Amino acid sequence: MPRPAPADLSSAAIEYILAVRSAACEDRRVTAAQVARRLKVSTQAASDMFRRLAADGLVRQGAGRELHLTPAGRAAADGIYRRHALAEWLVVSMLGLSWADSDEEAIRLQAVISPRLEARLDELLGHPEICPHGNPIDEAAARRRPAGVPLADLEAGERATVYRICTAANEDPAFLSYLEARALLPGSHVSVLARSGSLDAITVEGPRGRATLGLRPAALVLVLRGEADPSLFHRVPSRGEG
C-alpha cells in the first residue's frame, strides 16, 4: 500500500509528526504521553494517532515506548517543516509580523503552499536552510551545522552568540516575546554577567541591555561560544539584490 504523501496527511497527523521531529532534532526522547500533553489531547487519542501513523510506515515505537520517525516519516516531516519555515520567513521578513508569533501564523499558511509556490518562496527568500528561530530546515542542513550548547550551561564571564531557539520554546509565546523584546535573536551577541543554580537564573548583557532568564527556559536557547561565523545566520535578500 502506498504511503501517504505530506499533502495527503491531515492537519492533526502533521502536528504529531512535527512533534516527533522536533524532539529528534533536539535529541530528546518522546512518547505518546508527552506529545499528548504538548498538543493538549488525551493519551488515548495520541496513542490512536501514532498507531495509524505506524500503520502508514511513518512512525515506529522503540524500547520504553519511545517514538521515532521512519525514513519515510522523516522525509515527510522535513517536507512539512520546510514549508513551515518558508512561511515563517515570509511573515517575519516581508509582512513584518512579530518573530514571536511567526510559528502560529506559519501553521495556518503551510497547508496551502503548493510545490510551485514553495519553489518560488525558496528563491525569493534566498534559499534559507534555517527557520527565523535558527532551527535547521531539514536533515541535510542539520548535518552541516554545529550543534550549539544551552545558554543555561554558560558561566559568568563567558561570551557567546545566540544560535537557535529550540522548537519546544514555541509552547511559551511569552518567553519568545521576551527574547524578541530583548533582541536575543539568532546572531546576537551576549555576555554572561551571572549564573546562579540556587536562584535558578542566568543574567546576560545583550543588544538591549540586561536580561534575566530562568535556567530551564535558558536551556532552550542554544548558543555558540565566542563570535560565530556570520554565514550561519540567514539574511533574506532585499529586493533587487543579487
Protein backbone atom coordinates (compact mmCIF):
# COMPACT_ATOMS: atom_id res chain seq x y z
CA MET A 1 0.00 0.00 0.00
CA PRO A 2 1.50 3.41 -0.94
CA ARG A 3 2.46 5.64 1.97
CA PRO A 4 0.65 8.97 2.34
CA ALA A 5 2.40 11.99 0.87
CA PRO A 6 2.66 15.10 3.10
CA ALA A 7 -0.17 16.72 1.11
CA ASP A 8 -2.43 13.75 1.98
CA LEU A 9 -1.88 13.95 5.74
CA SER A 10 -4.48 15.57 7.97
CA SER A 11 -3.58 18.70 9.92
CA ALA A 12 -3.71 16.62 13.11
CA ALA A 13 -1.33 13.99 11.72
CA ILE A 14 1.06 16.76 10.69
CA GLU A 15 1.13 18.12 14.25
CA TYR A 16 2.05 14.69 15.62
CA ILE A 17 4.77 14.11 13.03
CA LEU A 18 6.30 17.53 13.66
CA ALA A 19 6.23 16.92 17.44
CA VAL A 20 8.33 13.77 16.98
CA ARG A 21 10.62 15.56 14.51
CA SER A 22 11.32 18.45 16.88
CA ALA A 23 12.19 16.05 19.71
CA ALA A 24 14.59 14.16 17.44
CA CYS A 25 16.24 17.39 16.26
CA GLU A 26 16.86 18.37 19.87
CA ASP A 27 17.99 14.88 21.00
CA ARG A 28 15.02 14.47 23.32
CA ARG A 29 13.08 11.27 23.99
CA VAL A 30 9.41 11.48 23.11
CA THR A 31 6.46 9.25 23.95
CA ALA A 32 2.77 9.37 23.07
CA ALA A 33 2.01 10.69 26.57
CA GLN A 34 4.47 13.58 26.13
CA VAL A 35 3.04 14.50 22.73
CA ALA A 36 -0.47 14.32 24.20
CA ARG A 37 0.48 16.87 26.88
CA ARG A 38 2.07 19.15 24.29
CA LEU A 39 -0.93 19.00 21.94
CA LYS A 40 -3.45 19.10 24.81
CA VAL A 41 -5.19 15.86 23.85
CA SER A 42 -5.74 12.62 25.78
CA THR A 43 -3.03 9.98 25.87
CA GLN A 44 -5.51 7.58 24.26
CA ALA A 45 -6.09 9.98 21.34
CA ALA A 46 -2.32 10.37 20.84
CA SER A 47 -1.78 6.60 21.01
CA ASP A 48 -4.52 6.03 18.41
CA MET A 49 -2.94 8.58 16.06
CA PHE A 50 0.51 7.04 16.42
CA ARG A 51 -0.91 3.60 15.68
CA ARG A 52 -2.31 4.98 12.41
CA LEU A 53 0.98 6.67 11.58
CA ALA A 54 2.83 3.41 12.34
CA ALA A 55 0.47 1.51 10.05
CA ASP A 56 1.29 4.06 7.33
CA GLY A 57 5.02 3.41 7.84
CA LEU A 58 5.79 6.90 9.14
CA VAL A 59 6.47 6.23 12.84
CA ARG A 60 7.83 3.31 14.85
CA GLN A 61 7.94 2.63 18.57
CA GLY A 62 11.20 1.68 20.22
CA ALA A 63 12.18 0.49 23.67
CA GLY A 64 10.38 2.17 26.54
CA ARG A 65 7.56 3.30 24.20
CA GLU A 66 9.90 5.89 22.68
CA LEU A 67 8.71 7.13 19.29
CA HIS A 68 10.90 7.54 16.21
CA LEU A 69 10.24 8.64 12.66
CA THR A 70 10.97 6.08 9.96
CA PRO A 71 12.98 7.26 6.92
CA ALA A 72 9.67 7.87 5.13
CA GLY A 73 8.34 9.72 8.16
CA ARG A 74 11.46 11.84 8.40
CA ALA A 75 11.22 12.77 4.71
CA ALA A 76 7.57 13.71 5.17
CA ALA A 77 8.34 15.74 8.31
CA ASP A 78 11.19 17.60 6.62
CA GLY A 79 8.94 18.47 3.68
CA ILE A 80 6.27 19.81 6.02
CA TYR A 81 8.76 21.73 8.17
CA ARG A 82 10.42 23.24 5.11
CA ARG A 83 7.12 24.81 4.03
CA HIS A 84 6.54 25.91 7.62
CA ALA A 85 9.95 27.62 7.79
CA LEU A 86 9.42 29.38 4.47
CA ALA A 87 6.05 30.64 5.72
CA GLU A 88 7.75 31.92 8.89
CA TRP A 89 10.35 33.83 6.87
CA LEU A 90 7.58 35.28 4.72
CA VAL A 91 5.52 36.65 7.62
CA VAL A 92 8.57 37.95 9.52
CA SER A 93 10.76 39.44 6.79
CA MET A 94 8.19 40.53 4.21
CA LEU A 95 4.96 41.08 6.12
CA GLY A 96 6.59 42.49 9.25
CA LEU A 97 4.78 40.28 11.76
CA SER A 98 6.26 39.51 15.16
CA TRP A 99 9.06 36.96 15.30
CA ALA A 100 7.41 35.52 18.39
CA ASP A 101 4.09 35.00 16.57
CA SER A 102 5.55 33.60 13.35
CA ASP A 103 5.09 29.94 14.29
CA GLU A 104 1.33 30.24 14.80
CA GLU A 105 0.85 32.19 11.56
CA ALA A 106 3.03 29.76 9.61
CA ILE A 107 0.90 26.81 10.79
CA ARG A 108 -2.08 28.46 9.09
CA LEU A 109 -0.15 29.08 5.87
CA GLN A 110 1.88 25.89 5.41
CA ALA A 111 -1.08 23.73 4.40
CA VAL A 112 -1.88 25.88 1.35
CA ILE A 113 1.66 26.21 -0.04
CA SER A 114 1.86 24.26 -3.29
CA PRO A 115 5.13 22.82 -4.63
CA ARG A 116 5.24 25.60 -7.23
CA LEU A 117 4.74 28.32 -4.61
CA GLU A 118 7.25 26.61 -2.31
CA ALA A 119 9.93 26.78 -5.01
CA ARG A 120 9.17 30.45 -5.68
CA LEU A 121 9.25 31.34 -1.97
CA ASP A 122 12.54 29.50 -1.52
CA GLU A 123 14.07 31.58 -4.32
CA LEU A 124 12.55 34.86 -3.12
CA LEU A 125 13.73 34.29 0.46
CA GLY A 126 17.30 33.44 -0.56
CA HIS A 127 17.19 29.64 -0.07
CA PRO A 128 17.22 29.59 3.75
CA GLU A 129 18.49 26.44 5.46
CA ILE A 130 17.10 27.52 8.83
CA CYS A 131 13.85 28.99 10.13
CA PRO A 132 13.81 32.51 11.69
CA HIS A 133 14.40 30.90 15.09
CA GLY A 134 17.59 29.29 13.75
CA ASN A 135 16.41 25.67 13.54
CA PRO A 136 17.60 23.58 10.55
CA ILE A 137 15.07 23.39 7.75
CA ASP A 138 15.78 19.71 7.03
CA GLU A 139 18.04 16.80 7.96
CA ALA A 140 20.70 17.73 5.40
CA ALA A 141 21.00 21.24 6.87
CA ALA A 142 21.17 19.81 10.40
CA ARG A 143 24.15 17.63 9.43
CA ARG A 144 26.04 20.63 8.04
CA ARG A 145 25.57 22.84 11.07
CA PRO A 146 27.18 22.80 14.55
CA ALA A 147 25.06 21.60 17.46
CA GLY A 148 25.34 24.56 19.82
CA VAL A 149 25.21 24.48 23.62
CA PRO A 150 22.44 25.61 26.00
CA LEU A 151 22.79 29.16 27.27
CA ALA A 152 21.98 27.76 30.71
CA ASP A 153 25.32 25.87 30.68
CA LEU A 154 27.47 29.00 30.38
CA GLU A 155 29.25 30.54 33.35
CA ALA A 156 29.76 34.17 34.37
CA GLY A 157 32.29 35.91 32.15
CA GLU A 158 31.65 33.82 29.03
CA ARG A 159 30.70 35.46 25.74
CA ALA A 160 28.59 33.78 23.11
CA THR A 161 26.42 34.20 20.02
CA VAL A 162 22.75 33.24 20.14
CA TYR A 163 22.48 30.36 17.68
CA ARG A 164 18.94 28.98 17.72
CA ILE A 165 15.80 28.75 19.82
CA CYS A 166 14.62 25.17 20.26
CA THR A 167 11.17 24.41 18.85
CA ALA A 168 9.95 23.46 22.34
CA ALA A 169 10.01 27.21 23.12
CA ASN A 170 7.04 27.65 20.78
CA GLU A 171 4.88 26.33 23.62
CA ASP A 172 5.62 29.53 25.56
CA PRO A 173 4.76 32.59 23.43
CA ALA A 174 5.51 34.91 26.37
CA PHE A 175 9.08 33.60 26.50
CA LEU A 176 9.53 34.13 22.76
CA SER A 177 8.15 37.66 23.12
CA TYR A 178 10.65 38.35 25.91
CA LEU A 179 13.54 37.15 23.76
CA GLU A 180 12.33 39.31 20.89
CA ALA A 181 11.91 42.38 23.11
CA ARG A 182 15.47 41.95 24.42
CA ALA A 183 16.78 41.26 20.87
CA LEU A 184 18.10 37.85 21.93
CA LEU A 185 17.69 36.52 18.40
CA PRO A 186 19.94 34.24 16.32
CA GLY A 187 23.14 36.09 15.51
CA SER A 188 23.07 38.45 18.51
CA HIS A 189 25.97 38.56 20.95
CA VAL A 190 25.67 38.12 24.70
CA SER A 191 27.95 38.22 27.72
CA VAL A 192 27.05 36.21 30.83
CA LEU A 193 27.02 38.52 33.85
CA ALA A 194 25.91 35.97 36.44
CA ARG A 195 24.64 32.41 36.72
CA SER A 196 23.09 31.05 39.88
CA GLY A 197 21.94 27.48 40.37
CA SER A 198 20.38 28.36 43.73
CA LEU A 199 18.38 31.22 42.22
CA ASP A 200 17.70 29.17 39.07
CA ALA A 201 18.60 32.10 36.82
CA ILE A 202 21.16 33.42 34.38
CA THR A 203 21.70 37.12 33.62
CA VAL A 204 23.23 38.26 30.36
CA GLU A 205 24.15 41.54 28.73
CA GLY A 206 22.63 41.59 25.25
CA PRO A 207 21.90 44.05 22.45
CA ARG A 208 19.23 45.81 24.55
CA GLY A 209 20.84 45.69 27.95
CA ARG A 210 20.48 43.14 30.72
CA ALA A 211 18.15 40.18 30.50
CA THR A 212 17.48 37.54 33.14
CA LEU A 213 16.19 34.09 32.24
CA GLY A 214 15.32 31.06 34.33
CA LEU A 215 17.75 28.19 33.75
CA ARG A 216 15.02 25.94 32.36
CA PRO A 217 13.91 28.31 29.57
CA ALA A 218 17.55 29.35 29.04
CA ALA A 219 18.27 25.70 28.18
CA LEU A 220 16.05 26.19 25.11
CA VAL A 221 18.34 28.96 23.84
CA LEU A 222 21.32 27.37 22.11
CA VAL A 223 24.47 29.43 21.65
CA LEU A 224 27.93 29.15 20.15
CA ARG A 225 30.74 30.27 22.41
CA GLY A 226 32.54 33.41 21.24
CA GLU A 227 31.72 35.08 17.93
CA ALA A 228 30.07 32.71 15.47
CA ASP A 229 30.55 32.65 11.72
CA PRO A 230 28.03 35.17 10.30
CA SER A 231 27.27 32.81 7.41
CA LEU A 232 25.43 30.56 9.88
CA PHE A 233 22.65 33.17 10.11
CA HIS A 234 20.32 33.66 7.18
CA ARG A 235 19.56 37.09 5.76
CA VAL A 236 16.63 37.50 3.38
CA PRO A 237 17.83 39.37 0.28
CA SER A 238 16.40 42.82 -0.25
CA ARG A 239 14.51 43.37 -3.48
CA GLY A 240 16.85 43.85 -6.39
CA GLU A 241 19.74 42.25 -4.51
CA GLY A 242 21.58 39.59 -6.47
